[in-house]
Structure formats: C-alpha cells, structure tokens
Amino acid sequence: MSTEARPERASVRLSPRTIVLYAIGSLGTGGYATLPGLVLTYFLTDNLGVAALAAGLIVTAAKIWDVLIDPLIGAASDRQLARTGSRRGFMVTGALALPLFFALTFAVPPSWGPVAGAISVLLAFLATATAFSLFQVPYVALPAELTGSYDERTRLLGWRVVVLTAAILLFGAGGPALRNAGDDPVMGYLLMGIASGLVIGIGMLIASRTADVAARRTASAPTTPAAASTWRDQYMSGFRALGRSQPFRALLGTFVLQALATGTMLAGAQYVATWVLRSEDAVTFVFVALVGPALLATPGWTVIARRVGKERAFRMASVLFTLAAASLIVAVWAPGAWIYASVAVAGIAYAGLQSLPMAMLPDVISHDERTSGPGQAGTFTGIWTAGETVGFALGATAVSLTLAATGYVSTVAGATVEQPDAAVTGIVLSFSILPAVLMAASLLTLGRYRLRRADIDAVTGPDA
C-alpha cells in the first residue's frame, strides 16, 4: 500500500486531546483486567466456599468464552468500519452493558451455597466478558488507524499505559479497600462491584469517542469490506492473518506467554497477602509496590524505545521482570516486607511489558496492509485479545491447580482456617518461579520478531 493512499495517518502528529481520550479507555481495561483477576478466585474460594479447583475452572470457562467471541467481534468490527466508517457502535454497547453485569458478578451471597453461587458468578461473568470484548477488540484496533508513525504509536500507547497503571493501582488498591470498608463482607463485595463497574463503564464510554477521530483520518483511505458471512469464515480470517504474518505470530506468542506470567502473579497476589504476609489488607501494599514504580517508569520505556527500538526495549523489560519474579522464591524460607522491593522492580519492568507490545501491534498491522490491504485491524485485534484472554485465564487456572495440588483449604466468609505449609509454599511458587519461567520462555518467541523501525518508516516516511 502506498503512502499516498493514507496521507493523513502517515503525516499527522496526534493531538493531546486524542491521546487523552484514548488513554482514558484504560480505566476500563485496567479495571476489568485487574479486579476480577485479583479477587474473583478468592471471592469464590474464601467467600462462597467454592473448592479451589472449581473456582479456577469457573474463571477459565468465562475466559474460554472470550476466546470464542473475540475473533467474531473483530471480524464484525471490520465490517462495521467498512459499512459505517467507524468502530464506535460496538464500543458504546459494551460500555453501557458492562457496569450492570460486573456488579452482578460480585452480588452473590454465601447463603445461596457453593453450587448455586458458582453458577451465578459464572453466568454474570460471562455477560461481563461479552460486554468488555465488544469494547476492547475495536479499541485495540484504533492505534493502527490513528497514525502510521512508528514513534507516534509509542507515544500514544505510552500514555495509555500511564493511565492503565494508574487504573491498576486504583482498582487493585481501591477495590479491596471498598470490600473491607464495612463489617459485612457480602455488602463489601457488592459495593466494590457497583462502584468499580461504573468507573470502568464511564472510562470505556469516553474512549469510544476516539473511534470517530480514527474514522475521520481514514476516510480517504481505501477499505476492503470484510466478506465473511459465516462463523467459520470469520474464524478463518483470523487464522489467515496468523498464517501470513510472521511478525504477528512472534509478537502474539510472546504476549500470550507474558499474559500468562503476569496473570499468574495477579491471581496469586491476594493469597500471598493473606497467607505469606499474614494480612488480607496487604494486597493493597503489594499493588502499590507494583504499580507505583510502573506509573513512573512508563515514560522512561518510551525514551528507551525511541533510542534502541521497541523490540530491544521489550526484551530488556522481559529480562528485568524475570529476575525480579525469580527472587521472590526466597519468601518460602524468609517471608517479610522485603517482598515489596522485588515487586517494585517487577513493576518497573511491567510498565514496558504493557506499553511496548501494544505499540508494536499497530506496526504489525501496517506491515500486513502492504500486501493484504487495509480495513483488517479488527481481525488482528480479535485474535490478539483472545490470546491475551487465554494467558490471563490460564494464569488463574495455574494458581488454582497449584492450590488444589498443595492442599489449600477453602472456606466461607467469617470462618477461620489455617493453611498447611505445602499450600503456603505453593502460593509462593505460583507468585515467583512459575511467572519467571513463563517470562523467560517468552524471550524465545520475541527473538523471532523481525520488524524494525526501518520497515515501518519505509512505508510511512521517516518524518511521520
């Protein structure tokens, strides 16, 4: 595809207003990714009395639903773009529906019993996941349509991650604080679900306006309407994108492994707080230790990426996270406040792990446009978000399997139990060695990523 075919995207510098509107959407992505991953398994095991293995399967089942629908939503978003010129419709629908279903996920009382409670949580979380995917899939597609510049994409996604890390801090610390605000844990979880769902929905609704900005900037570009009409055709369009784009396969494989690594740590954080640091409220400090440094480090990763390239900066962040996670194994023998220091180092790396692959994805989409034509960003992001979902879902599953294998004792709200030493060791392993091994494995797939700045500037021009 020639640069003349899309002059606006190739030459424009994004306005601060566009960057702010887009970044606010991370209130939604940060809240949805953080709070369920942090407390949902714990809510099931320690509030509703659901067995650890069953709780992990419930979370995984909801995420499998995400994997099934994300490619369909991606293809449908491409068709909506071709038909209406904008991806906003799906985004608004998801933003309006999510608050209700999110609140219902945490509205189940222990009095219903473990079986009824588990089924109710599963159904509500399935609906929540559907609403979120309606927003998230087109949202992730927008950077490729907002600008064709290699560095502008880094700038755009860098600021998005600043808001994302702030959202993780807000929900990771504020969610449990709301839950523990009163003496009644049932009402605490309900309050947390209502307040968090509203904030997530508002952020998503505001960010949906960015779709109109992207629509104006791509109005002069030729589009190829998606011809897929059956579910099979829509899935196959995603597999064709994987088959023809080696950079996409390498980046997606890396991102899935890293989502699994960070999802494992996220799902284990509440257990570490309760049974290793011996304070349920310590999860707030764990999140402050993780997200505070990440909030400050994101601009630094943007600077490093400009100097050495996104892929090299991404590799540096991955190595740093691996070392920080591995160091936490010492908590098996010597638990203590020092854990916060290792988590803080992981937080510095986490900022790069969030911003850099998201800034590389639009480069992959643009690279594919040269041979396959524009208008297929939704197909790529449908597969991307499905892969991310797999990673986070299996992270929660890995933790639940570890807990089940090491004899973790589930309970209901208000009851007191003591965990066996093997279960506490399993909690530490799921928070340290397991994510470190997964992150190290992601370096192998990252080594296969071949796109560089020159490949993007050759299409958009070095001054884009």
Protein backbone atom coordinates (compact mmCIF):
# COMPACT_ATOMS: atom_id res chain seq x y z
CA MET A 1 0.00 0.00 0.00
CA SER A 2 1.44 3.39 -0.93
CA THR A 3 1.88 6.25 1.46
CA GLU A 4 -0.31 8.36 -0.83
CA ALA A 5 -3.22 6.04 -0.13
CA ARG A 6 -3.36 7.11 3.51
CA PRO A 7 -1.72 10.56 3.75
CA GLU A 8 -3.35 11.65 6.99
CA ARG A 9 -2.29 8.68 9.03
CA ALA A 10 1.26 8.89 7.69
CA SER A 11 1.89 12.57 8.46
CA VAL A 12 -0.24 13.63 11.41
CA ARG A 13 1.04 14.16 14.93
CA LEU A 14 -1.63 13.11 17.37
CA SER A 15 -3.21 15.94 19.34
CA PRO A 16 -3.08 15.88 23.16
CA ARG A 17 -6.89 15.63 23.19
CA THR A 18 -6.85 12.45 21.09
CA ILE A 19 -4.18 10.90 23.29
CA VAL A 20 -6.13 11.76 26.46
CA LEU A 21 -9.41 10.41 25.11
CA TYR A 22 -7.77 7.18 24.02
CA ALA A 23 -5.82 6.75 27.24
CA ILE A 24 -8.95 7.13 29.40
CA GLY A 25 -10.16 3.85 27.93
CA SER A 26 -7.55 2.14 30.08
CA LEU A 27 -9.72 2.88 33.10
CA GLY A 28 -11.90 0.17 31.61
CA THR A 29 -9.17 -2.23 30.51
CA GLY A 30 -7.22 -1.77 33.73
CA GLY A 31 -10.25 -2.27 35.94
CA TYR A 32 -11.56 -5.31 34.10
CA ALA A 33 -8.16 -6.97 33.87
CA THR A 34 -7.16 -6.23 37.46
CA LEU A 35 -10.09 -6.63 39.81
CA PRO A 36 -11.52 -9.99 38.65
CA GLY A 37 -8.01 -11.39 38.32
CA LEU A 38 -7.14 -10.18 41.80
CA VAL A 39 -10.24 -11.07 43.82
CA LEU A 40 -12.62 -13.29 41.82
CA THR A 41 -10.94 -16.61 42.57
CA TYR A 42 -10.51 -15.51 46.19
CA PHE A 43 -14.18 -14.40 46.27
CA LEU A 44 -15.21 -17.88 45.17
CA THR A 45 -12.91 -19.85 47.48
CA ASP A 46 -12.96 -17.71 50.64
CA ASN A 47 -16.40 -16.08 50.48
CA LEU A 48 -18.69 -18.58 48.72
CA GLY A 49 -16.91 -21.75 49.84
CA VAL A 50 -16.25 -23.00 46.30
CA ALA A 51 -13.40 -25.52 46.04
CA ALA A 52 -10.17 -24.08 44.64
CA LEU A 53 -10.16 -26.31 41.56
CA ALA A 54 -13.79 -25.49 40.78
CA ALA A 55 -13.12 -21.77 41.24
CA GLY A 56 -10.27 -21.93 38.74
CA LEU A 57 -12.45 -23.79 36.25
CA ILE A 58 -15.18 -21.15 36.57
CA VAL A 59 -12.78 -18.31 35.78
CA THR A 60 -11.26 -20.33 32.95
CA ALA A 61 -14.67 -21.16 31.44
CA ALA A 62 -15.56 -17.47 31.29
CA LYS A 63 -12.26 -16.71 29.61
CA ILE A 64 -12.75 -19.51 27.07
CA TRP A 65 -15.95 -17.73 26.12
CA ASP A 66 -13.82 -14.63 25.47
CA VAL A 67 -11.54 -16.64 23.20
CA LEU A 68 -14.53 -17.87 21.19
CA ILE A 69 -16.18 -14.49 20.70
CA ASP A 70 -13.20 -12.15 20.27
CA PRO A 71 -12.36 -13.21 16.68
CA LEU A 72 -16.05 -12.92 15.76
CA ILE A 73 -16.23 -9.43 17.27
CA GLY A 74 -13.02 -8.47 15.45
CA ALA A 75 -14.38 -9.52 12.07
CA ALA A 76 -17.73 -7.85 12.82
CA SER A 77 -15.90 -4.66 13.80
CA ASP A 78 -14.11 -4.65 10.45
CA ARG A 79 -17.46 -4.99 8.69
CA GLN A 80 -18.92 -2.20 10.82
CA LEU A 81 -15.97 0.01 9.86
CA ALA A 82 -16.49 -0.75 6.16
CA ARG A 83 -20.24 -0.17 6.42
CA THR A 84 -20.41 2.91 8.69
CA GLY A 85 -16.87 4.31 8.63
CA SER A 86 -16.44 3.89 12.41
CA ARG A 87 -15.93 1.18 15.03
CA ARG A 88 -17.73 3.14 17.75
CA GLY A 89 -21.04 1.24 17.84
CA PHE A 90 -19.66 -1.89 19.46
CA MET A 91 -17.58 0.16 21.89
CA VAL A 92 -20.59 2.11 23.18
CA THR A 93 -22.69 -1.04 23.56
CA GLY A 94 -20.00 -2.68 25.68
CA ALA A 95 -19.51 0.43 27.81
CA LEU A 96 -23.22 0.67 28.64
CA ALA A 97 -23.72 -3.03 29.41
CA LEU A 98 -20.64 -3.79 31.49
CA PRO A 99 -21.45 -1.95 34.77
CA LEU A 100 -24.60 -3.99 35.40
CA PHE A 101 -23.03 -7.39 34.75
CA PHE A 102 -19.86 -6.51 36.64
CA ALA A 103 -21.89 -5.63 39.74
CA LEU A 104 -23.92 -8.84 39.44
CA THR A 105 -20.71 -10.91 39.41
CA PHE A 106 -19.97 -9.86 42.99
CA ALA A 107 -23.60 -9.72 44.19
CA VAL A 108 -23.90 -13.43 45.02
CA PRO A 109 -24.34 -14.09 48.80
CA PRO A 110 -22.79 -17.11 50.59
CA SER A 111 -26.28 -18.14 51.73
CA TRP A 112 -27.00 -19.47 48.24
CA GLY A 113 -24.48 -22.25 48.76
CA PRO A 114 -21.34 -23.12 46.77
CA VAL A 115 -23.09 -24.71 43.78
CA ALA A 116 -25.72 -22.02 43.16
CA GLY A 117 -23.18 -19.32 43.94
CA ALA A 118 -20.65 -20.73 41.48
CA ILE A 119 -23.24 -20.98 38.68
CA SER A 120 -24.49 -17.43 39.32
CA VAL A 121 -20.97 -15.99 39.26
CA LEU A 122 -20.18 -17.87 36.06
CA LEU A 123 -23.26 -16.55 34.22
CA ALA A 124 -22.71 -12.96 35.37
CA PHE A 125 -19.03 -13.06 34.48
CA LEU A 126 -19.79 -14.49 31.03
CA ALA A 127 -22.05 -11.49 30.37
CA THR A 128 -19.38 -9.14 31.73
CA ALA A 129 -16.76 -10.68 29.46
CA THR A 130 -19.01 -10.27 26.42
CA ALA A 131 -19.62 -6.60 27.16
CA PHE A 132 -15.92 -5.97 27.67
CA SER A 133 -14.95 -7.69 24.42
CA LEU A 134 -17.42 -5.53 22.47
CA PHE A 135 -15.37 -2.55 23.63
CA GLN A 136 -11.85 -3.94 23.82
CA VAL A 137 -11.46 -5.54 20.40
CA PRO A 138 -12.20 -2.36 18.37
CA TYR A 139 -10.38 -0.24 20.99
CA VAL A 140 -7.11 -2.10 20.42
CA ALA A 141 -7.54 -1.75 16.65
CA LEU A 142 -7.65 2.06 16.75
CA PRO A 143 -3.91 2.93 17.09
CA ALA A 144 -3.15 1.43 13.68
CA GLU A 145 -5.81 3.75 12.21
CA LEU A 146 -4.97 6.86 14.23
CA THR A 147 -1.39 7.23 12.97
CA GLY A 148 1.14 5.48 10.75
CA SER A 149 4.16 6.82 12.64
CA TYR A 150 6.45 4.35 14.44
CA ASP A 151 7.22 6.83 17.22
CA GLU A 152 3.73 8.34 17.48
CA ARG A 153 2.36 4.88 18.22
CA THR A 154 4.89 4.51 21.01
CA ARG A 155 3.83 7.91 22.35
CA LEU A 156 0.12 7.07 22.13
CA LEU A 157 0.44 3.67 23.80
CA GLY A 158 2.90 5.02 26.35
CA TRP A 159 0.33 7.48 27.67
CA ARG A 160 -2.32 4.79 27.53
CA VAL A 161 -0.17 2.65 29.81
CA VAL A 162 0.34 5.57 32.20
CA VAL A 163 -3.43 5.59 32.68
CA LEU A 164 -3.51 1.79 32.68
CA THR A 165 -1.02 1.56 35.53
CA ALA A 166 -2.90 4.26 37.43
CA ALA A 167 -6.10 2.26 36.88
CA ILE A 168 -4.42 -0.90 38.13
CA LEU A 169 -3.40 1.00 41.25
CA LEU A 170 -6.88 2.46 41.65
CA PHE A 171 -8.69 -0.85 41.29
CA GLY A 172 -6.01 -3.03 42.85
CA ALA A 173 -5.87 -0.90 45.97
CA GLY A 174 -9.29 0.74 45.97
CA GLY A 175 -11.31 -2.38 45.15
CA PRO A 176 -10.18 -4.39 48.18
CA ALA A 177 -10.44 -1.23 50.32
CA LEU A 178 -14.11 -0.85 49.34
CA ARG A 179 -14.67 -4.53 50.00
CA ASN A 180 -13.24 -4.18 53.50
CA ALA A 181 -14.87 -0.82 54.29
CA GLY A 182 -17.56 -2.37 56.47
CA ASP A 183 -18.02 -5.36 58.73
CA ASP A 184 -20.23 -7.25 56.26
CA PRO A 185 -18.14 -8.92 53.51
CA VAL A 186 -21.25 -9.63 51.41
CA MET A 187 -22.15 -5.94 51.20
CA GLY A 188 -18.48 -5.09 50.79
CA TYR A 189 -18.17 -7.16 47.62
CA LEU A 190 -21.44 -5.72 46.28
CA LEU A 191 -20.26 -2.14 46.90
CA MET A 192 -16.97 -2.93 45.20
CA GLY A 193 -18.75 -4.40 42.17
CA ILE A 194 -21.14 -1.47 41.73
CA ALA A 195 -18.58 1.31 42.15
CA SER A 196 -15.91 -0.39 40.05
CA GLY A 197 -18.34 -1.28 37.26
CA LEU A 198 -19.48 2.33 36.96
CA VAL A 199 -15.92 3.68 36.75
CA ILE A 200 -14.98 1.05 34.15
CA GLY A 201 -18.04 1.82 32.03
CA ILE A 202 -17.51 5.58 32.13
CA GLY A 203 -13.88 5.22 31.02
CA MET A 204 -14.90 2.97 28.15
CA LEU A 205 -17.66 5.34 27.05
CA ILE A 206 -15.32 8.34 26.96
CA ALA A 207 -12.69 6.44 24.97
CA SER A 208 -15.25 5.36 22.38
CA ARG A 209 -15.13 8.92 21.00
CA THR A 210 -11.64 8.18 19.69
CA ALA A 211 -13.22 5.88 17.11
CA ASP A 212 -14.67 8.93 15.37
CA VAL A 213 -11.22 10.56 15.26
CA ALA A 214 -9.82 7.43 13.61
CA ALA A 215 -12.76 7.37 11.19
CA ARG A 216 -12.03 10.93 10.02
CA ARG A 217 -8.36 10.14 9.47
CA THR A 218 -9.03 7.01 7.46
CA ALA A 219 -11.90 8.45 5.44
CA SER A 220 -9.68 8.99 2.38
CA ALA A 221 -8.03 5.58 2.62
CA PRO A 222 -9.34 2.67 0.56
CA THR A 223 -11.03 -0.02 2.61
CA THR A 224 -11.68 -3.62 1.81
CA PRO A 225 -15.06 -4.65 3.21
CA ALA A 226 -14.92 -7.94 5.10
CA ALA A 227 -16.72 -10.52 3.01
CA ALA A 228 -17.01 -13.17 5.71
CA SER A 229 -20.64 -14.11 6.36
CA THR A 230 -20.42 -17.29 8.43
CA TRP A 231 -18.79 -18.00 11.77
CA ARG A 232 -16.35 -20.33 10.06
CA ASP A 233 -15.33 -17.62 7.58
CA GLN A 234 -14.79 -15.15 10.41
CA TYR A 235 -12.59 -17.53 12.36
CA MET A 236 -10.69 -18.44 9.23
CA SER A 237 -9.92 -14.77 8.55
CA GLY A 238 -8.09 -14.70 11.87
CA PHE A 239 -6.16 -17.88 11.11
CA ARG A 240 -5.22 -16.48 7.71
CA ALA A 241 -3.83 -13.37 9.43
CA LEU A 242 -1.75 -15.62 11.67
CA GLY A 243 -0.59 -17.68 8.74
CA ARG A 244 0.56 -14.83 6.52
CA SER A 245 2.16 -12.56 9.17
CA GLN A 246 5.29 -13.95 10.81
CA PRO A 247 5.77 -10.80 12.94
CA PHE A 248 2.23 -11.22 14.28
CA ARG A 249 2.84 -14.85 15.23
CA ALA A 250 6.04 -13.95 17.07
CA LEU A 251 4.54 -10.98 18.88
CA LEU A 252 1.34 -12.80 19.79
CA GLY A 253 3.22 -15.82 21.13
CA THR A 254 5.35 -13.54 23.28
CA PHE A 255 2.35 -11.60 24.55
CA VAL A 256 0.35 -14.73 25.43
CA LEU A 257 3.21 -16.17 27.47
CA GLN A 258 3.67 -12.87 29.26
CA ALA A 259 -0.05 -12.52 29.93
CA LEU A 260 0.12 -15.99 31.47
CA ALA A 261 3.08 -14.93 33.62
CA THR A 262 1.52 -11.69 34.85
CA GLY A 263 -1.90 -13.33 35.19
CA THR A 264 -0.36 -15.94 37.47
CA MET A 265 1.16 -13.27 39.69
CA LEU A 266 -2.07 -11.28 39.70
CA ALA A 267 -4.20 -14.26 40.72
CA GLY A 268 -1.71 -15.17 43.44
CA ALA A 269 -1.35 -11.70 44.94
CA GLN A 270 -4.30 -11.91 47.33
CA TYR A 271 -3.16 -15.32 48.56
CA VAL A 272 0.36 -14.00 49.14
CA ALA A 273 -1.05 -11.11 51.13
CA THR A 274 -3.27 -13.33 53.28
CA TRP A 275 -1.06 -16.38 53.88
CA VAL A 276 2.54 -15.21 53.33
CA LEU A 277 2.38 -11.61 54.59
CA ARG A 278 -0.38 -12.63 57.00
CA SER A 279 -2.70 -9.72 56.25
CA GLU A 280 -5.62 -9.71 53.83
CA ASP A 281 -5.21 -5.94 53.53
CA ALA A 282 -1.56 -6.32 52.48
CA VAL A 283 -2.74 -6.87 48.90
CA THR A 284 -3.16 -3.10 48.73
CA PHE A 285 0.53 -2.59 49.51
CA VAL A 286 1.51 -5.28 47.01
CA PHE A 287 -0.32 -3.36 44.33
CA VAL A 288 1.16 -0.04 45.36
CA ALA A 289 4.61 -1.63 45.19
CA LEU A 290 3.89 -2.98 41.70
CA VAL A 291 2.02 -0.10 40.11
CA GLY A 292 3.68 2.91 41.72
CA PRO A 293 7.05 2.27 40.02
CA ALA A 294 5.28 1.26 36.80
CA LEU A 295 3.48 4.59 36.72
CA LEU A 296 6.78 6.44 36.94
CA ALA A 297 8.69 4.12 34.61
CA THR A 298 6.42 4.21 31.56
CA PRO A 299 7.83 7.47 30.10
CA GLY A 300 11.31 6.01 30.58
CA TRP A 301 10.48 2.95 28.49
CA THR A 302 9.16 5.28 25.78
CA VAL A 303 12.50 7.10 25.72
CA ILE A 304 14.45 3.83 25.62
CA ALA A 305 12.27 2.55 22.76
CA ARG A 306 12.99 5.69 20.73
CA ARG A 307 16.72 5.18 21.17
CA VAL A 308 17.16 1.43 20.75
CA GLY A 309 13.89 0.30 19.15
CA LYS A 310 10.74 -1.15 20.64
CA GLU A 311 11.77 -4.79 20.31
CA ARG A 312 15.08 -4.29 22.19
CA ALA A 313 13.41 -2.26 24.93
CA PHE A 314 10.77 -5.00 25.19
CA ARG A 315 13.49 -7.62 25.65
CA MET A 316 15.11 -5.55 28.40
CA ALA A 317 11.81 -5.25 30.27
CA SER A 318 11.21 -9.00 29.97
CA VAL A 319 14.61 -9.91 31.42
CA LEU A 320 14.16 -7.48 34.31
CA PHE A 321 10.74 -8.93 35.16
CA THR A 322 12.12 -12.48 35.04
CA LEU A 323 14.86 -11.68 37.55
CA ALA A 324 12.50 -9.83 39.90
CA ALA A 325 9.91 -12.62 39.89
CA ALA A 326 12.52 -15.34 40.46
CA SER A 327 13.88 -13.51 43.52
CA LEU A 328 10.50 -13.87 45.28
CA ILE A 329 11.12 -17.61 45.81
CA VAL A 330 13.10 -16.63 48.90
CA ALA A 331 9.74 -15.90 50.58
CA VAL A 332 9.32 -19.66 51.09
CA TRP A 333 12.01 -19.51 53.78
CA ALA A 334 12.05 -15.85 54.75
CA PRO A 335 8.73 -14.04 54.21
CA GLY A 336 8.73 -10.37 55.06
CA ALA A 337 8.40 -6.78 53.93
CA TRP A 338 11.39 -7.16 51.57
CA ILE A 339 8.91 -8.75 49.14
CA TYR A 340 7.68 -5.26 48.29
CA ALA A 341 11.14 -4.33 46.92
CA SER A 342 11.20 -7.23 44.46
CA VAL A 343 7.63 -6.46 43.45
CA ALA A 344 8.65 -2.82 42.82
CA VAL A 345 11.42 -3.94 40.43
CA ALA A 346 8.86 -6.12 38.66
CA GLY A 347 6.65 -3.03 38.47
CA ILE A 348 9.34 -1.09 36.61
CA ALA A 349 9.54 -3.91 34.09
CA TYR A 350 5.76 -4.29 33.95
CA ALA A 351 5.41 -0.77 32.54
CA GLY A 352 7.46 -1.82 29.50
CA LEU A 353 5.66 -5.14 29.18
CA GLN A 354 2.37 -3.27 28.83
CA SER A 355 3.29 -0.34 26.58
CA LEU A 356 5.82 -1.82 24.18
CA PRO A 357 3.94 -4.82 22.70
CA MET A 358 0.81 -2.68 22.34
CA ALA A 359 2.90 -0.13 20.41
CA MET A 360 4.34 -2.92 18.25
CA LEU A 361 0.95 -4.37 17.30
CA PRO A 362 -0.02 -1.40 15.04
CA ASP A 363 3.34 -1.80 13.30
CA VAL A 364 2.45 -5.43 12.59
CA ILE A 365 -0.97 -4.43 11.25
CA SER A 366 0.56 -1.74 8.99
CA HIS A 367 3.12 -4.23 7.72
CA ASP A 368 0.30 -6.59 6.77
CA GLU A 369 -1.58 -3.80 4.98
CA ARG A 370 1.17 -3.55 2.40
CA THR A 371 0.24 -6.93 0.94
CA SER A 372 -3.30 -7.58 2.11
CA GLY A 373 -4.92 -4.15 2.12
CA PRO A 374 -6.34 -2.01 4.93
CA GLY A 375 -9.51 -2.49 6.96
CA GLN A 376 -8.50 -5.71 8.72
CA ALA A 377 -7.22 -4.32 12.01
CA GLY A 378 -10.20 -5.79 13.85
CA THR A 379 -9.29 -9.26 12.64
CA PHE A 380 -5.82 -8.89 14.14
CA THR A 381 -7.03 -7.42 17.42
CA GLY A 382 -9.74 -10.07 17.78
CA ILE A 383 -7.05 -12.75 17.72
CA TRP A 384 -4.79 -10.59 19.93
CA THR A 385 -7.37 -10.05 22.67
CA ALA A 386 -8.33 -13.73 22.52
CA GLY A 387 -4.67 -14.63 23.07
CA GLU A 388 -4.38 -12.17 25.94
CA THR A 389 -7.51 -13.67 27.47
CA VAL A 390 -6.06 -17.17 27.21
CA GLY A 391 -2.96 -16.03 29.04
CA PHE A 392 -4.77 -14.37 31.92
CA ALA A 393 -7.32 -17.20 32.17
CA LEU A 394 -4.66 -19.88 32.34
CA GLY A 395 -2.82 -17.77 34.92
CA ALA A 396 -5.78 -18.06 37.28
CA THR A 397 -6.10 -21.73 36.39
CA ALA A 398 -2.42 -22.36 37.15
CA VAL A 399 -2.82 -20.80 40.58
CA SER A 400 -5.97 -22.79 41.35
CA LEU A 401 -4.31 -26.05 40.25
CA THR A 402 -1.29 -25.28 42.42
CA LEU A 403 -3.54 -24.56 45.38
CA ALA A 404 -5.51 -27.76 44.84
CA ALA A 405 -2.32 -29.84 44.46
CA THR A 406 -0.80 -28.45 47.66
CA GLY A 407 -3.87 -28.92 49.83
CA TYR A 408 -5.31 -25.40 50.04
CA VAL A 409 -8.34 -25.27 52.38
CA SER A 410 -11.32 -23.25 51.05
CA THR A 411 -13.70 -21.54 53.43
CA VAL A 412 -16.72 -19.23 53.63
CA ALA A 413 -16.89 -15.62 54.79
CA GLY A 414 -16.35 -15.24 58.53
CA ALA A 415 -14.82 -18.68 59.09
CA THR A 416 -11.21 -19.13 60.23
CA VAL A 417 -8.84 -21.80 58.91
CA GLU A 418 -5.10 -22.43 58.86
CA GLN A 419 -3.34 -23.46 55.67
CA PRO A 420 -0.84 -26.35 55.56
CA ASP A 421 2.80 -25.46 54.91
CA ALA A 422 2.64 -27.10 51.49
CA ALA A 423 -0.18 -24.78 50.44
CA VAL A 424 1.77 -21.69 51.51
CA THR A 425 4.77 -22.95 49.55
CA GLY A 426 2.54 -23.46 46.52
CA ILE A 427 1.31 -19.89 46.82
CA VAL A 428 4.88 -18.56 46.76
CA LEU A 429 5.83 -20.77 43.80
CA SER A 430 2.84 -19.51 41.79
CA PHE A 431 3.90 -15.94 42.56
CA SER A 432 7.61 -16.35 41.76
CA ILE A 433 9.13 -19.29 39.89
CA LEU A 434 6.15 -20.04 37.65
CA PRO A 435 5.86 -16.49 36.22
CA ALA A 436 9.66 -16.26 35.95
CA VAL A 437 9.83 -19.44 33.85
CA LEU A 438 6.98 -18.27 31.61
CA MET A 439 8.60 -14.87 31.11
CA ALA A 440 11.91 -16.49 30.23
CA ALA A 441 10.12 -18.66 27.65
CA SER A 442 8.63 -15.53 26.07
CA LEU A 443 12.15 -14.32 25.22
CA LEU A 444 12.45 -17.22 22.78
CA THR A 445 9.39 -16.17 20.80
CA LEU A 446 10.38 -12.49 20.99
CA GLY A 447 13.67 -13.42 19.32
CA ARG A 448 11.68 -14.36 16.20
CA TYR A 449 10.16 -10.88 15.84
CA ARG A 450 11.81 -9.27 12.81
CA LEU A 451 10.14 -5.89 12.27
CA ARG A 452 12.34 -2.86 12.89
CA ARG A 453 11.91 0.90 12.65
CA ALA A 454 13.22 0.93 9.07
CA ASP A 455 10.47 -1.47 7.99
CA ILE A 456 7.78 0.92 9.23
CA ASP A 457 9.47 4.15 8.13
CA ALA A 458 9.89 2.68 4.65
CA VAL A 459 6.10 2.80 4.34
CA THR A 460 5.11 5.90 6.31
CA GLY A 461 8.23 8.00 5.83
CA PRO A 462 10.86 8.75 8.49
CA ASP A 463 9.26 12.06 9.44
CA ALA A 464 5.83 10.60 10.03
